Every structure is written in structure tokens, then in C-alpha cells.
Amino acid sequence: MARIKVPRKSTAMDMTAMCDVAFLLLTFFILTAKIRQDDPLHVDVPASTVTQIVPDDNIATLSVGQNKIFFGIEGTDIRIQLLEEMAKKYNLPAFTPDEEKRFSSIPTFGVPLNQLKQFIALDEEGRKTFPQPGVPTDSTANNELSNWIYEARIVTRNLKNQELRFAIKGNAKDEFPAYKKVVDVLQKQSINKFSLITSLKTK
């Protein structure tokens, strides 16, 4: 009896579902990605062999360079609440909701409080050219950096129920006194544990 030959057919895969998944993933990553903004203070950080990554939230960064100190903190809700608390502390006119929203998008700044409203009113390009003298740390009676740090710790504890962590980002060519000024401010508030931001040392 003759054997019946079954005709061979080429296999075909429907890739529609795979394309849908790929585009959904791509859309997700684009929408959730954090846009990296340029630092207003260029800092050439020292090299190190440690590869521990600085966390993306619950951290405040103190940038040191050119005899200036810049302050930055993560979290839009924390920035808004922190701005309100600093305005109360220094008896400043209340910031408008628009000013608070603008401030919440500024990752780091280096201006005294009496220039902050003017700084917030600028657009992103204007802030790049605005002369930022650094957050004042000169006077013990009016140490604005110390108050920013103190209020930031309280706001983080109230909103996140966590202790705020600190990182110092300094220029590799700066001398010890520039760092000591920042460390002294931290230690006066019994903050003895903080991170130093470095770049990876090459072989």
C-alpha cells in the first residue's frame, strides 16, 4: 500500500503580541526615566575603587567647590514642604503654589534665601547663568546651610518616617578646609555618618 505524503508547510509566527509588549516596555521606561539635569556647580570628584551606588531617594547632597556650597535634596514633596518650613523660620513672605512647583523641580541650588524668589522665577537657562554665591555658612547666628539641613531632616522624618541620609560631593583639587566647613555643620547636628561621592578609579 502506497504511503501518503503529508504536504510540508512553513511555520509562521504571529509577532504582533511580541511587538506590543516591546512597545509597552519602551513606553514604560521612557515615561519613568529620570531626566538628568546639569549641575550648577561643576565638581571634578576624586577617584575611588568603591562601587557602592548612591541611592536615588531619601538623600541630601552637599556639593563643595570654588569656595561655594550647594544644597540639594531628592523628592518633590519634600522640597515643597522644606521651602514652606524655611519661609516660616525666616519670616519670609509665603511662596506661591507656582513658586513651590518651580522649586520642586530644582535638584540643587546655591543662593541665599533673600535671592531665592528671584532664582526660582527664572527658567532653566536663566538659572544656569544666574550668579550663585553658594548657601551661606559664615555666621553662627545665620547659618542658612545648617537650617536647610535641620529642616530637611524634620520634613523627611514627618513625610517618609525615615532618617535623611547625606552625601558630600567635592572637588578633588579642593583643600581640606573647604570640606571641614561642611563636616562641621553636619557634626553640630550629630550627623557623623555620610557618603562621599567619587568616580570609579581606572586601572
Protein backbone atom coordinates (compact mmCIF):
# COMPACT_ATOMS: atom_id res chain seq x y z
CA MET A 1 0.00 0.00 0.00
CA ALA A 2 1.41 3.40 -1.00
CA ARG A 3 2.37 5.78 1.78
CA ILE A 4 0.52 9.10 1.78
CA LYS A 5 2.78 12.10 1.81
CA VAL A 6 1.69 14.93 4.04
CA PRO A 7 2.50 18.28 2.41
CA ARG A 8 5.00 20.31 4.40
CA LYS A 9 4.03 23.81 5.36
CA SER A 10 6.38 26.56 6.52
CA THR A 11 5.86 27.58 10.15
CA ALA A 12 4.69 31.13 10.70
CA MET A 13 4.73 33.07 13.96
CA ASP A 14 2.48 35.98 14.71
CA MET A 15 4.80 38.67 16.13
CA THR A 16 2.04 41.16 16.86
CA ALA A 17 1.90 40.31 20.56
CA MET A 18 5.70 40.50 20.88
CA CYS A 19 5.78 43.94 19.23
CA ASP A 20 3.03 45.15 21.56
CA VAL A 21 4.98 44.01 24.60
CA ALA A 22 8.20 45.61 23.30
CA PHE A 23 6.50 48.96 22.70
CA LEU A 24 4.76 48.83 26.10
CA LEU A 25 8.12 48.24 27.82
CA LEU A 26 9.75 51.01 25.80
CA THR A 27 6.95 53.44 26.69
CA PHE A 28 7.20 52.47 30.37
CA PHE A 29 10.95 53.11 30.54
CA ILE A 30 10.66 56.45 28.70
CA LEU A 31 7.89 57.71 30.99
CA THR A 32 9.54 56.58 34.23
CA ALA A 33 13.09 57.64 33.34
CA LYS A 34 14.58 60.50 35.35
CA ILE A 35 15.91 63.37 33.28
CA ARG A 36 19.42 64.20 34.43
CA GLN A 37 19.88 67.92 34.87
CA ASP A 38 23.21 69.68 34.67
CA ASP A 39 24.84 70.50 37.97
CA PRO A 40 25.08 74.27 38.52
CA LEU A 41 28.44 73.72 40.22
CA HIS A 42 30.98 71.76 38.19
CA VAL A 43 32.77 69.36 40.53
CA ASP A 44 35.68 67.15 39.49
CA VAL A 45 35.14 64.38 42.05
CA PRO A 46 38.10 62.27 43.27
CA ALA A 47 38.59 58.72 42.06
CA SER A 48 37.91 55.67 44.21
CA THR A 49 37.72 51.88 43.91
CA VAL A 50 34.43 51.67 45.83
CA THR A 51 31.42 50.89 43.64
CA GLN A 52 28.55 51.43 46.10
CA ILE A 53 25.80 53.39 44.34
CA VAL A 54 24.27 56.45 45.99
CA PRO A 55 20.50 55.90 46.45
CA ASP A 56 18.01 57.84 44.34
CA ASP A 57 15.74 58.88 47.21
CA ASN A 58 15.90 59.91 50.86
CA ILE A 59 19.23 61.67 50.40
CA ALA A 60 20.54 65.23 50.50
CA THR A 61 23.66 66.23 48.59
CA LEU A 62 26.12 68.91 49.66
CA SER A 63 28.28 69.99 46.73
CA VAL A 64 31.56 71.75 47.55
CA GLY A 65 33.71 73.64 45.04
CA GLN A 66 35.17 77.07 44.25
CA ASN A 67 34.67 78.01 47.93
CA LYS A 68 30.92 77.58 47.48
CA ILE A 69 28.46 75.12 48.97
CA PHE A 70 25.34 73.97 47.12
CA PHE A 71 22.43 72.11 48.70
CA GLY A 72 20.14 69.60 47.02
CA ILE A 73 17.57 67.09 48.20
CA GLU A 74 15.58 64.37 46.41
CA GLY A 75 11.78 64.28 46.32
CA THR A 76 9.39 66.94 45.01
CA ASP A 77 7.07 66.66 48.02
CA ILE A 78 9.99 67.07 50.41
CA ARG A 79 11.28 70.13 48.53
CA ILE A 80 7.89 71.85 48.67
CA GLN A 81 7.43 71.19 52.38
CA LEU A 82 11.03 72.19 53.11
CA LEU A 83 10.57 75.51 51.29
CA GLU A 84 7.45 76.27 53.36
CA GLU A 85 9.27 75.49 56.62
CA MET A 86 12.26 77.69 55.72
CA ALA A 87 9.91 80.57 54.83
CA LYS A 88 8.28 80.26 58.27
CA LYS A 89 11.63 80.05 60.04
CA TYR A 90 12.95 83.24 58.43
CA ASN A 91 9.58 85.09 58.42
CA LEU A 92 9.64 85.36 54.63
CA PRO A 93 6.56 86.12 52.51
CA ALA A 94 4.79 82.86 51.71
CA PHE A 95 5.79 81.24 48.43
CA THR A 96 3.03 80.90 45.86
CA PRO A 97 1.94 77.43 44.62
CA ASP A 98 3.63 78.22 41.30
CA GLU A 99 6.89 79.11 43.06
CA GLU A 100 6.70 75.92 45.13
CA LYS A 101 6.13 73.86 41.97
CA ARG A 102 9.12 75.52 40.28
CA PHE A 103 11.32 74.94 43.33
CA SER A 104 10.30 71.26 43.47
CA SER A 105 11.94 70.75 40.04
CA ILE A 106 15.29 72.31 41.07
CA PRO A 107 17.64 69.48 42.13
CA THR A 108 20.30 71.69 43.74
CA PHE A 109 20.89 75.38 44.40
CA GLY A 110 23.48 77.73 45.87
CA VAL A 111 21.78 81.04 46.66
CA PRO A 112 20.92 82.73 49.97
CA LEU A 113 17.28 82.92 50.98
CA ASN A 114 16.97 86.61 50.10
CA GLN A 115 17.73 85.72 46.44
CA LEU A 116 15.68 82.53 46.29
CA LYS A 117 12.45 84.04 44.93
CA GLN A 118 14.40 85.73 42.13
CA PHE A 119 16.22 82.46 41.39
CA ILE A 120 13.02 80.39 41.32
CA ALA A 121 11.34 82.85 38.90
CA LEU A 122 13.99 82.17 36.23
CA ASP A 123 13.68 79.47 33.60
CA GLU A 124 16.21 76.64 33.34
CA GLU A 125 18.53 78.58 31.01
CA GLY A 126 18.35 81.66 33.23
CA ARG A 127 19.33 79.64 36.30
CA LYS A 128 22.45 78.41 34.51
CA THR A 129 23.73 81.97 34.06
CA PHE A 130 22.50 83.30 37.42
CA PRO A 131 25.49 84.03 39.71
CA GLN A 132 25.09 81.62 42.63
CA PRO A 133 27.40 82.56 45.54
CA GLY A 134 26.60 79.39 47.49
CA VAL A 135 24.42 78.77 50.54
CA PRO A 136 25.70 81.00 53.40
CA THR A 137 27.64 79.25 56.17
CA ASP A 138 29.59 82.24 57.53
CA SER A 139 27.71 83.31 60.62
CA THR A 140 26.75 81.07 63.51
CA ALA A 141 23.67 83.25 64.10
CA ASN A 142 22.53 82.97 60.47
CA ASN A 143 23.96 79.72 59.16
CA GLU A 144 21.46 79.03 56.39
CA LEU A 145 23.05 75.73 55.41
CA SER A 146 22.64 74.41 58.94
CA ASN A 147 18.96 75.39 58.91
CA TRP A 148 18.35 73.82 55.49
CA ILE A 149 19.85 70.57 56.81
CA TYR A 150 17.93 70.69 60.10
CA GLU A 151 14.56 71.42 58.48
CA ALA A 152 15.20 68.82 55.76
CA ARG A 153 15.72 66.15 58.42
CA ILE A 154 12.46 67.06 60.16
CA VAL A 155 10.47 67.16 56.91
CA THR A 156 11.84 63.79 55.78
CA ARG A 157 11.03 62.23 59.14
CA ASN A 158 7.47 63.60 59.04
CA LEU A 159 6.71 62.71 55.41
CA LYS A 160 8.68 59.49 54.94
CA ASN A 161 9.15 58.30 58.52
CA GLN A 162 12.85 57.83 57.70
CA GLU A 163 16.13 59.41 58.68
CA LEU A 164 17.60 61.60 55.93
CA ARG A 165 20.97 60.47 54.57
CA PHE A 166 23.69 62.84 53.41
CA ALA A 167 26.34 62.76 50.70
CA ILE A 168 29.20 65.20 50.12
CA LYS A 169 30.24 65.85 46.54
CA GLY A 170 33.52 67.72 46.48
CA ASN A 171 36.17 68.80 44.04
CA ALA A 172 39.26 66.58 44.06
CA LYS A 173 41.52 69.66 43.95
CA ASP A 174 39.89 71.47 46.87
CA GLU A 175 41.77 71.52 50.15
CA PHE A 176 40.61 70.17 53.49
CA PRO A 177 39.18 73.45 54.95
CA ALA A 178 36.50 73.54 52.24
CA TYR A 179 35.27 70.09 53.32
CA LYS A 180 35.73 70.79 57.04
CA LYS A 181 33.21 73.61 56.86
CA VAL A 182 30.54 71.17 55.66
CA VAL A 183 31.54 68.40 58.06
CA ASP A 184 31.42 70.84 61.00
CA VAL A 185 27.85 71.81 60.09
CA LEU A 186 26.85 68.13 60.00
CA GLN A 187 28.61 67.22 63.24
CA LYS A 188 26.97 70.10 65.13
CA GLN A 189 23.70 68.25 64.45
CA SER A 190 25.26 64.91 65.50
CA ILE A 191 25.43 63.67 61.89
CA ASN A 192 28.59 61.60 61.84
CA LYS A 193 27.70 59.20 59.04
CA PHE A 194 27.65 60.42 55.44
CA SER A 195 28.79 59.35 51.98
CA LEU A 196 31.48 60.82 49.76
CA ILE A 197 30.63 60.86 46.07
CA THR A 198 33.55 59.72 43.89
CA SER A 199 34.19 58.47 40.39
CA LEU A 200 35.42 54.95 39.64
CA LYS A 201 39.20 54.71 39.55
CA THR A 202 40.53 53.16 36.34
CA LYS A 203 43.37 50.67 36.28
